[in-house]
Protein backbone atom coordinates (compact mmCIF):
# COMPACT_ATOMS: atom_id res chain seq x y z
CA MET A 1 -86.82 73.15 54.28
CA SER A 2 -88.36 75.83 52.09
CA LYS A 3 -86.70 76.18 48.69
CA ARG A 4 -85.33 79.51 47.50
CA VAL A 5 -87.41 80.95 44.66
CA VAL A 6 -86.12 83.24 41.93
CA ILE A 7 -87.51 85.04 38.89
CA THR A 8 -86.02 83.98 35.56
CA GLY A 9 -88.44 85.39 32.99
CA LEU A 10 -90.57 88.49 32.45
CA GLY A 11 -93.26 89.36 29.90
CA VAL A 12 -95.68 92.25 29.56
CA CYS A 13 -98.40 93.64 27.34
CA ALA A 14 -99.07 97.09 28.77
CA PRO A 15 -100.58 100.37 27.55
CA ASN A 16 -97.09 101.90 27.29
CA GLY A 17 -95.33 98.87 25.84
CA VAL A 18 -96.38 95.48 24.49
CA ASP A 19 -92.91 93.99 24.88
CA LEU A 20 -90.37 94.06 27.68
CA ARG A 21 -87.92 96.43 26.01
CA SER A 22 -90.45 99.13 25.15
CA PHE A 23 -92.14 98.81 28.55
CA THR A 24 -88.80 99.23 30.33
CA ARG A 25 -87.96 102.29 28.26
CA SER A 26 -91.37 103.83 28.95
CA LEU A 27 -91.03 103.38 32.72
CA ARG A 28 -87.51 104.74 32.66
CA GLU A 29 -88.55 107.80 30.64
CA GLY A 30 -91.95 108.33 32.23
CA LYS A 31 -93.73 107.70 28.92
CA SER A 32 -97.50 107.35 29.23
CA GLY A 33 -99.74 104.87 27.45
CA ILE A 34 -102.94 106.65 28.44
CA ALA A 35 -104.88 108.09 25.51
CA PHE A 36 -108.24 109.52 24.48
CA GLN A 37 -110.72 106.80 23.52
CA SER A 38 -113.23 107.98 20.91
CA GLU A 39 -115.43 104.97 21.65
CA LEU A 40 -115.96 106.19 25.21
CA LYS A 41 -116.94 109.64 23.97
CA LYS A 42 -119.44 108.12 21.56
CA LEU A 43 -120.98 106.20 24.49
CA ASN A 44 -121.23 109.35 26.65
CA PHE A 45 -118.71 108.29 29.27
CA GLY A 46 -117.71 111.01 31.70
CA CYS A 47 -114.11 109.74 31.61
CA GLN A 48 -113.04 109.30 27.99
CA ILE A 49 -109.41 108.32 28.54
CA ALA A 50 -107.87 104.92 29.28
CA GLY A 51 -104.70 102.86 29.10
CA LYS A 52 -105.02 100.24 26.36
CA PRO A 53 -102.23 98.16 24.79
CA THR A 54 -101.75 98.68 21.06
CA VAL A 55 -101.52 95.23 19.47
CA GLU A 56 -101.34 95.20 15.69
CA THR A 57 -103.12 92.39 13.86
CA ASN A 58 -99.94 91.05 12.26
CA TYR A 59 -98.30 90.97 15.71
CA LEU A 60 -100.72 88.22 16.70
CA ASN A 61 -99.05 85.88 14.21
CA ASN A 62 -96.16 85.57 16.66
CA TYR A 63 -98.46 83.98 19.26
CA PHE A 64 -101.55 82.53 17.57
CA THR A 65 -102.01 80.25 14.58
CA SER A 66 -104.35 81.38 11.81
CA LEU A 67 -106.87 78.83 13.08
CA GLU A 68 -106.66 80.20 16.64
CA GLN A 69 -107.26 83.72 15.33
CA ARG A 70 -110.61 82.79 13.79
CA GLY A 71 -113.31 84.31 15.94
CA LEU A 72 -110.72 85.60 18.45
CA ASN A 73 -112.47 88.41 20.30
CA SER A 74 -111.08 88.45 23.83
CA SER A 75 -108.59 91.23 24.48
CA GLY A 76 -107.64 89.87 27.91
CA LEU A 77 -106.82 86.47 26.44
CA VAL A 78 -104.67 88.13 23.77
CA TYR A 79 -102.77 90.23 26.29
CA GLY A 80 -102.27 87.26 28.60
CA VAL A 81 -100.95 84.95 25.88
CA ILE A 82 -98.52 87.62 24.65
CA SER A 83 -97.11 88.34 28.11
CA GLY A 84 -97.11 84.69 29.20
CA MET A 85 -95.34 83.33 26.14
CA ASP A 86 -92.85 86.22 26.18
CA ALA A 87 -92.01 85.51 29.82
CA TRP A 88 -91.50 81.81 29.06
CA ARG A 89 -89.18 82.65 26.17
CA ASP A 90 -87.38 85.29 28.22
CA ALA A 91 -86.60 82.57 30.76
CA GLY A 92 -84.94 80.55 28.00
CA LEU A 93 -87.70 77.94 28.02
CA GLU A 94 -89.58 76.35 25.14
CA ALA A 95 -92.92 74.64 24.69
CA THR A 96 -92.81 70.87 24.91
CA SER A 97 -93.23 68.69 21.83
CA ALA A 98 -96.67 67.40 20.88
CA GLU A 99 -95.98 64.08 22.64
CA GLU A 100 -94.49 65.45 25.87
CA THR A 101 -95.82 67.11 29.02
CA ASP A 102 -93.71 69.14 31.42
CA TRP A 103 -94.95 67.72 34.73
CA GLU A 104 -92.73 70.00 36.84
CA SER A 105 -94.02 73.32 35.46
CA GLY A 106 -97.40 74.96 35.96
CA ILE A 107 -99.38 78.17 35.61
CA ILE A 108 -101.29 80.51 37.88
CA PHE A 109 -102.72 83.20 35.62
CA GLY A 110 -105.47 85.37 37.04
CA THR A 111 -108.20 87.60 35.66
CA GLY A 112 -111.17 89.58 36.88
CA ILE A 113 -113.43 88.86 33.93
CA LEU A 114 -112.46 87.41 30.58
CA GLY A 115 -113.91 87.85 27.11
CA VAL A 116 -116.50 90.55 27.75
CA ASP A 117 -116.75 91.44 24.05
CA LYS A 118 -117.03 87.75 23.18
CA PHE A 119 -119.84 87.44 25.72
CA ARG A 120 -121.65 90.34 24.07
CA GLU A 121 -121.23 88.75 20.67
CA ALA A 122 -122.48 85.41 21.99
CA ILE A 123 -125.51 86.93 23.70
CA HIS A 124 -126.71 88.48 20.44
CA LEU A 125 -126.28 85.21 18.54
CA VAL A 126 -128.07 83.20 21.20
CA ASP A 127 -130.96 85.70 21.40
CA GLU A 128 -131.29 85.51 17.62
CA GLY A 129 -131.39 81.71 17.72
CA ASN A 130 -128.05 81.37 15.94
CA THR A 131 -126.10 79.31 18.46
CA ARG A 132 -124.42 77.36 15.66
CA ARG A 133 -122.59 80.55 14.71
CA LEU A 134 -120.95 80.82 18.12
CA GLY A 135 -117.97 78.78 17.00
CA SER A 136 -115.84 76.33 18.92
CA THR A 137 -113.75 78.92 20.79
CA THR A 138 -116.49 80.84 22.61
CA VAL A 139 -116.18 78.82 25.81
CA ILE A 140 -112.39 79.08 26.07
CA GLN A 141 -112.58 82.83 25.44
CA THR A 142 -115.23 83.50 28.07
CA MET A 143 -114.44 81.18 30.98
CA ALA A 144 -112.22 82.77 33.61
CA SER A 145 -109.71 79.92 33.46
CA GLY A 146 -109.53 80.21 29.68
CA ILE A 147 -106.27 82.16 29.91
CA SER A 148 -104.45 79.60 32.05
CA ALA A 149 -105.89 76.72 30.03
CA PHE A 150 -104.87 78.31 26.74
CA LEU A 151 -101.32 78.99 27.92
CA GLY A 152 -101.10 75.51 29.47
CA GLY A 153 -101.90 73.97 26.11
CA LYS A 154 -99.56 76.29 24.23
CA LEU A 155 -96.62 75.39 26.46
CA GLY A 156 -97.52 71.80 27.37
CA LEU A 157 -97.37 72.23 31.16
CA GLY A 158 -98.56 69.47 33.46
CA ASN A 159 -98.26 70.81 36.99
CA GLN A 160 -101.03 72.93 38.53
CA VAL A 161 -102.69 75.07 35.84
CA THR A 162 -105.27 77.41 37.33
CA THR A 163 -106.71 80.92 37.52
CA ASN A 164 -107.12 83.15 40.56
CA SER A 165 -109.35 86.20 40.89
CA SER A 166 -109.10 88.75 43.70
CA ALA A 167 -109.94 92.09 42.09
CA CYS A 168 -106.96 94.46 41.98
CA THR A 169 -104.78 92.15 44.06
CA THR A 170 -105.08 89.30 41.54
CA GLY A 171 -101.65 89.60 39.94
CA THR A 172 -99.67 90.09 43.12
CA GLU A 173 -101.59 87.30 44.86
CA GLY A 174 -100.87 84.99 41.91
CA VAL A 175 -97.13 85.59 42.15
CA LEU A 176 -97.27 84.70 45.83
CA MET A 177 -99.28 81.54 45.10
CA ALA A 178 -96.67 80.49 42.55
CA TYR A 179 -93.89 81.25 45.01
CA GLU A 180 -95.52 79.08 47.67
CA ARG A 181 -95.97 76.14 45.30
CA ILE A 182 -92.29 76.18 44.37
CA ALA A 183 -91.04 76.86 47.90
CA SER A 184 -92.99 73.84 49.16
CA GLY A 185 -91.42 71.61 46.51
CA LYS A 186 -94.63 70.95 44.59
CA ALA A 187 -93.28 72.46 41.35
CA ARG A 188 -89.90 73.41 39.88
CA ARG A 189 -91.20 76.42 38.01
CA MET A 190 -94.46 78.35 37.58
CA LEU A 191 -95.68 80.94 35.12
CA ALA A 192 -97.54 83.56 37.16
CA GLY A 193 -99.47 86.50 35.78
CA SER A 194 -102.81 88.17 35.26
CA CYS A 195 -104.78 89.92 32.54
CA SER A 196 -107.68 92.30 32.09
CA ASP A 197 -109.99 93.01 29.16
CA SER A 198 -110.24 96.43 27.52
CA GLY A 199 -113.33 98.39 26.67
CA PRO A 200 -116.50 100.13 27.80
CA TYR A 201 -118.17 96.99 29.15
CA VAL A 202 -115.32 96.59 31.64
CA TRP A 203 -114.88 100.27 32.47
CA GLY A 204 -118.53 101.39 32.39
CA GLY A 205 -119.32 100.41 35.98
CA PHE A 206 -116.46 102.49 37.30
CA ASP A 207 -117.58 105.48 35.24
CA ALA A 208 -121.05 105.08 36.73
CA MET A 209 -119.50 105.17 40.22
CA ARG A 210 -117.92 108.53 39.31
CA ILE A 211 -114.50 107.43 40.52
CA LEU A 212 -112.79 108.10 37.19
CA PRO A 213 -111.36 111.54 36.25
CA ARG A 214 -113.62 113.63 33.99
CA ASN A 215 -111.52 116.75 33.54
CA PHE A 216 -108.59 115.34 31.55
CA ASN A 217 -110.32 114.22 28.36
CA GLU A 218 -108.39 116.87 26.42
CA ASP A 219 -105.11 116.08 28.19
CA PRO A 220 -105.10 112.29 28.73
CA GLU A 221 -101.44 111.81 29.67
CA ARG A 222 -101.93 114.03 32.72
CA GLY A 223 -105.07 112.24 33.88
CA SER A 224 -103.56 109.60 36.16
CA ARG A 225 -102.06 111.43 39.14
CA PRO A 226 -101.09 109.12 42.03
CA MET A 227 -100.09 110.95 45.24
CA SER A 228 -101.09 114.28 43.68
CA GLN A 229 -103.22 116.95 45.34
CA SER A 230 -105.05 117.38 42.03
CA ALA A 231 -105.80 113.66 41.61
CA ALA A 232 -109.37 113.26 40.41
CA GLY A 233 -109.79 109.48 40.28
CA PHE A 234 -108.12 106.49 38.68
CA VAL A 235 -107.75 106.12 34.92
CA PRO A 236 -108.91 102.66 33.78
CA GLY A 237 -106.39 100.46 32.03
CA SER A 238 -105.91 96.96 30.69
CA GLY A 239 -103.21 94.51 29.65
CA ALA A 240 -101.25 91.68 31.21
CA GLY A 241 -98.00 90.90 32.96
CA ALA A 242 -96.23 87.58 33.54
CA LEU A 243 -93.28 86.25 35.51
CA VAL A 244 -91.52 82.89 35.48
CA LEU A 245 -90.75 81.79 39.03
CA GLU A 246 -88.35 78.93 39.54
CA SER A 247 -86.54 77.12 42.29
CA LEU A 248 -83.00 78.41 42.64
CA GLU A 249 -81.73 74.88 42.14
CA SER A 250 -83.55 74.56 38.82
CA ALA A 251 -82.39 77.98 37.63
CA GLN A 252 -78.78 77.18 38.48
CA GLU A 253 -78.98 73.83 36.69
CA ARG A 254 -80.16 75.61 33.54
CA LYS A 255 -77.69 78.47 34.02
CA ALA A 256 -80.68 80.78 33.65
CA HIS A 257 -80.50 84.54 34.01
CA ILE A 258 -81.93 85.53 37.40
CA TYR A 259 -83.71 88.87 37.74
CA ALA A 260 -84.41 88.75 41.47
CA GLU A 261 -85.31 86.52 44.38
CA VAL A 262 -88.77 86.30 45.96
CA LEU A 263 -88.34 86.35 49.72
CA GLY A 264 -92.01 85.90 50.60
CA GLY A 265 -95.11 87.89 51.30
CA ALA A 266 -98.61 87.88 52.74
CA VAL A 267 -102.26 88.13 51.75
CA ASN A 268 -105.27 88.92 53.92
CA CYS A 269 -108.69 90.54 54.01
CA GLY A 270 -110.03 93.24 56.28
CA GLY A 271 -113.45 91.60 56.39
CA GLN A 272 -115.06 94.94 55.47
CA ARG A 273 -114.87 95.89 59.13
CA SER A 274 -113.27 98.76 61.09
CA GLY A 275 -113.76 101.22 58.25
CA GLY A 276 -113.13 98.71 55.50
CA THR A 277 -115.82 98.37 52.83
CA MET A 278 -116.24 96.74 49.45
CA THR A 279 -114.22 99.60 47.94
CA ALA A 280 -112.18 100.97 50.85
CA PRO A 281 -109.48 99.10 52.79
CA ASN A 282 -109.51 98.28 56.48
CA ASP A 283 -106.36 100.13 57.54
CA ILE A 284 -105.59 97.62 60.27
CA ALA A 285 -105.64 94.80 57.70
CA VAL A 286 -103.36 96.70 55.32
CA GLN A 287 -100.83 97.29 58.06
CA ARG A 288 -101.01 93.67 59.20
CA CYS A 289 -100.47 92.48 55.63
CA ILE A 290 -97.33 94.58 55.24
CA ARG A 291 -95.91 93.50 58.61
CA GLU A 292 -96.68 89.84 57.95
CA ALA A 293 -94.94 90.09 54.57
CA LEU A 294 -91.82 91.40 56.30
CA ASP A 295 -91.96 88.71 58.97
CA HIS A 296 -92.44 85.95 56.43
CA SER A 297 -89.56 87.29 54.35
CA GLY A 298 -87.25 87.61 57.34
CA ILE A 299 -86.30 91.23 56.78
CA ALA A 300 -86.56 94.40 58.85
CA ALA A 301 -88.48 97.47 57.71
CA GLY A 302 -85.25 99.47 57.45
CA GLU A 303 -83.93 97.08 54.80
CA ILE A 304 -86.57 98.12 52.27
CA ASP A 305 -85.03 100.46 49.70
CA SER A 306 -88.12 101.09 47.61
CA ILE A 307 -91.87 100.48 47.54
CA ASN A 308 -94.14 100.08 44.55
CA GLY A 309 -97.49 100.99 46.01
CA HIS A 310 -101.06 100.40 44.93
CA LEU A 311 -101.63 104.20 44.81
CA THR A 312 -104.47 104.64 42.33
CA ALA A 313 -104.80 108.46 42.19
CA THR A 314 -107.78 108.74 44.49
CA ALA A 315 -108.41 110.32 47.88
CA LYS A 316 -107.14 107.09 49.44
CA ASP A 317 -103.52 107.68 48.38
CA PRO A 318 -102.62 109.67 51.53
CA VAL A 319 -104.28 106.93 53.61
CA GLU A 320 -102.13 104.30 51.92
CA ILE A 321 -98.97 106.29 52.66
CA ASP A 322 -100.06 106.60 56.28
CA ASN A 323 -100.55 102.82 56.46
CA TRP A 324 -97.08 102.20 55.04
CA CYS A 325 -95.58 104.58 57.61
CA LYS A 326 -97.37 102.89 60.50
CA ALA A 327 -96.64 99.37 59.30
CA LEU A 328 -92.94 100.06 58.75
CA GLY A 329 -92.47 102.45 61.66
CA LEU A 330 -90.72 104.83 59.25
CA GLN A 331 -91.46 108.35 58.10
CA GLY A 332 -89.84 111.54 56.87
CA GLY A 333 -86.42 111.03 55.33
CA ASP A 334 -86.14 107.51 56.76
CA PHE A 335 -89.00 106.27 54.57
CA PRO A 336 -88.03 104.23 51.47
CA TYR A 337 -88.45 105.57 47.94
CA ILE A 338 -91.98 104.99 46.67
CA ASN A 339 -93.49 105.00 43.19
CA SER A 340 -96.66 104.14 41.31
CA PHE A 341 -96.67 102.97 37.70
CA LYS A 342 -100.37 103.80 37.39
CA SER A 343 -99.35 107.31 36.37
CA THR A 344 -98.29 105.93 32.97
CA VAL A 345 -100.44 102.81 32.48
CA GLY A 346 -103.57 103.65 34.46
CA HIS A 347 -105.19 101.20 36.84
CA CYS A 348 -105.15 97.92 34.91
CA LEU A 349 -107.57 96.26 37.35
CA ALA A 350 -106.90 92.50 37.60
CA ALA A 351 -103.76 92.98 35.50
CA ALA A 352 -102.42 95.77 37.71
CA GLY A 353 -100.49 93.60 40.15
CA SER A 354 -98.70 91.51 37.53
CA ILE A 355 -97.79 94.45 35.27
CA GLU A 356 -96.51 96.34 38.30
CA CYS A 357 -94.59 93.31 39.60
CA VAL A 358 -92.80 93.13 36.24
CA GLY A 359 -91.96 96.82 36.46
CA THR A 360 -90.84 96.46 40.06
CA VAL A 361 -88.46 93.59 39.27
CA LEU A 362 -87.04 95.45 36.25
CA GLN A 363 -85.64 98.04 38.65
CA PHE A 364 -83.09 95.48 39.88
CA ALA A 365 -81.90 94.80 36.34
CA GLU A 366 -81.77 98.49 35.47
CA GLY A 367 -80.13 99.58 38.71
CA MET A 368 -82.78 102.27 39.00
CA VAL A 369 -85.89 103.38 40.82
CA PHE A 370 -88.37 104.48 38.17
CA GLY A 371 -89.75 107.96 38.65
CA ASN A 372 -93.29 109.13 39.29
CA VAL A 373 -95.27 111.15 36.77
CA ASN A 374 -97.96 113.78 37.35
CA CYS A 375 -97.34 114.31 41.06
CA GLU A 376 -95.38 117.54 41.00
CA ASP A 377 -98.08 118.80 43.39
CA ILE A 378 -97.68 116.10 46.03
CA HIS A 379 -100.66 115.90 48.35
CA PRO A 380 -99.93 117.92 51.53
CA ASP A 381 -101.17 115.09 53.77
CA ILE A 382 -98.50 112.87 52.22
CA LEU A 383 -95.80 115.47 52.78
CA GLN A 384 -96.71 115.49 56.46
CA GLN A 385 -95.70 111.82 56.53
CA ILE A 386 -92.69 111.47 54.21
CA HIS A 387 -90.11 113.75 52.63
CA ARG A 388 -90.78 114.80 49.04
CA THR A 389 -87.39 113.37 47.96
CA LYS A 390 -88.80 109.91 48.68
CA ILE A 391 -91.26 110.42 45.82
CA PRO A 392 -88.82 110.81 42.90
CA GLN A 393 -90.19 112.85 40.01
CA GLU A 394 -87.64 111.36 37.63
CA THR A 395 -85.94 107.98 37.43
CA LEU A 396 -83.08 107.64 39.90
CA LYS A 397 -79.81 105.87 39.31
CA TYR A 398 -80.05 103.91 42.52
CA ALA A 399 -79.57 100.18 42.81
CA PRO A 400 -82.23 98.82 45.21
CA LYS A 401 -81.48 95.68 47.21
CA VAL A 402 -85.00 95.05 48.58
CA ILE A 403 -88.31 96.22 47.12
CA ALA A 404 -91.80 95.78 48.55
CA LYS A 405 -94.76 95.64 46.17
CA ALA A 406 -98.37 95.77 47.36
CA SER A 407 -101.86 95.65 45.88
CA PHE A 408 -105.15 96.39 47.61
CA GLY A 409 -108.46 95.49 45.96
CA PHE A 410 -112.25 95.57 45.96
CA GLY A 411 -113.59 93.34 48.69
CA ASP A 412 -111.07 94.70 51.21
CA VAL A 413 -108.39 92.22 50.05
CA ASN A 414 -104.65 92.85 50.33
CA ALA A 415 -101.38 91.39 49.07
CA CYS A 416 -97.77 92.36 49.71
CA ILE A 417 -94.70 90.68 48.24
CA ILE A 418 -91.00 91.23 48.96
CA PHE A 419 -88.41 91.03 46.17
CA LYS A 420 -84.66 91.03 46.74
CA GLU A 421 -81.62 91.48 44.58
CA TYR A 422 -80.32 88.00 43.85
CA LYS A 423 -77.11 86.99 45.57
CA PRO A 424 -75.79 83.40 45.15
């Protein structure tokens, strides 16, 4: 029989909070972490705003030794280690001793690309014939699995330790992969998360595609506008989120605090057919993914109290709402509450799903549905589908029992996960 899987630890390094407490407060209060980036102006970007975690140098001492900090030039790795180690500690767990390995715990920590700035540094040194100056940490900082390997060594975990990469669905997919490993009995607990680098070398391609907003450089906090009629494109972001998933049996044995239960979910791909492309979703696939997530979780559409959507602040937001309505068979006032955290953190790319999963689960602990920001002018096509009260402008004191979280990414890939309030 499949084991019940619960969430016992959360960690985050986000543009609007580099620790769980500040991140929770920011979501509750609608505080934005999106700011003007002078570097982007200097490089003639059209969009000069972004969501970037503020990590002070002395803060790194809590996570990295002085030796590990030498030559450290990978923002994604930094964000991932902060969120991953915080989640592990939040779960009441500790790293093993130098002589021990925790064979029952593992890691699935995803990324889109890791160590872009370190790559740039390495390229210059190699081209100059100075490979000896690369240092011994270049490889770990630039290989995609560097984040999972680094955390695995920090914590001493001996179960599966790996990295997944599925564009914007990476984080949500990783949580589902961790859930499946525990549910099948192959691990007692897994650290699941994802991270994304900051900077112009990550965001430049999107600026070139002209899918980032260019008219909010003087007013950055208003730039990310999911579900808004005046949405002008997604604001790029970065950071990391992490969750500790654990078998219910293990959590009960440890008397661990339980945030929520993972009921199940689904992943699929539209094959870039039937209207789906590299950048646009196949609507049929999105709807199938949502329905399959419900079926796998054993719940009915009417049991969903709230949705945390992908909703990036592009012209596709009304299409996503339409897909949710068709998949659930609900609309108008019967539709669940829906929100998007991208209004305050931007679109954190490979880190989006994990950061948003952390925020989604926090709603159970807070007894709230976090409000939306910058969508006072809800898109009229959305209002034809659902009632405006289902898009709360401020945080609601409402205790959700079941929340659906979805991510849809480049390559026409989809992921949907169902979280439930934990009941013994």
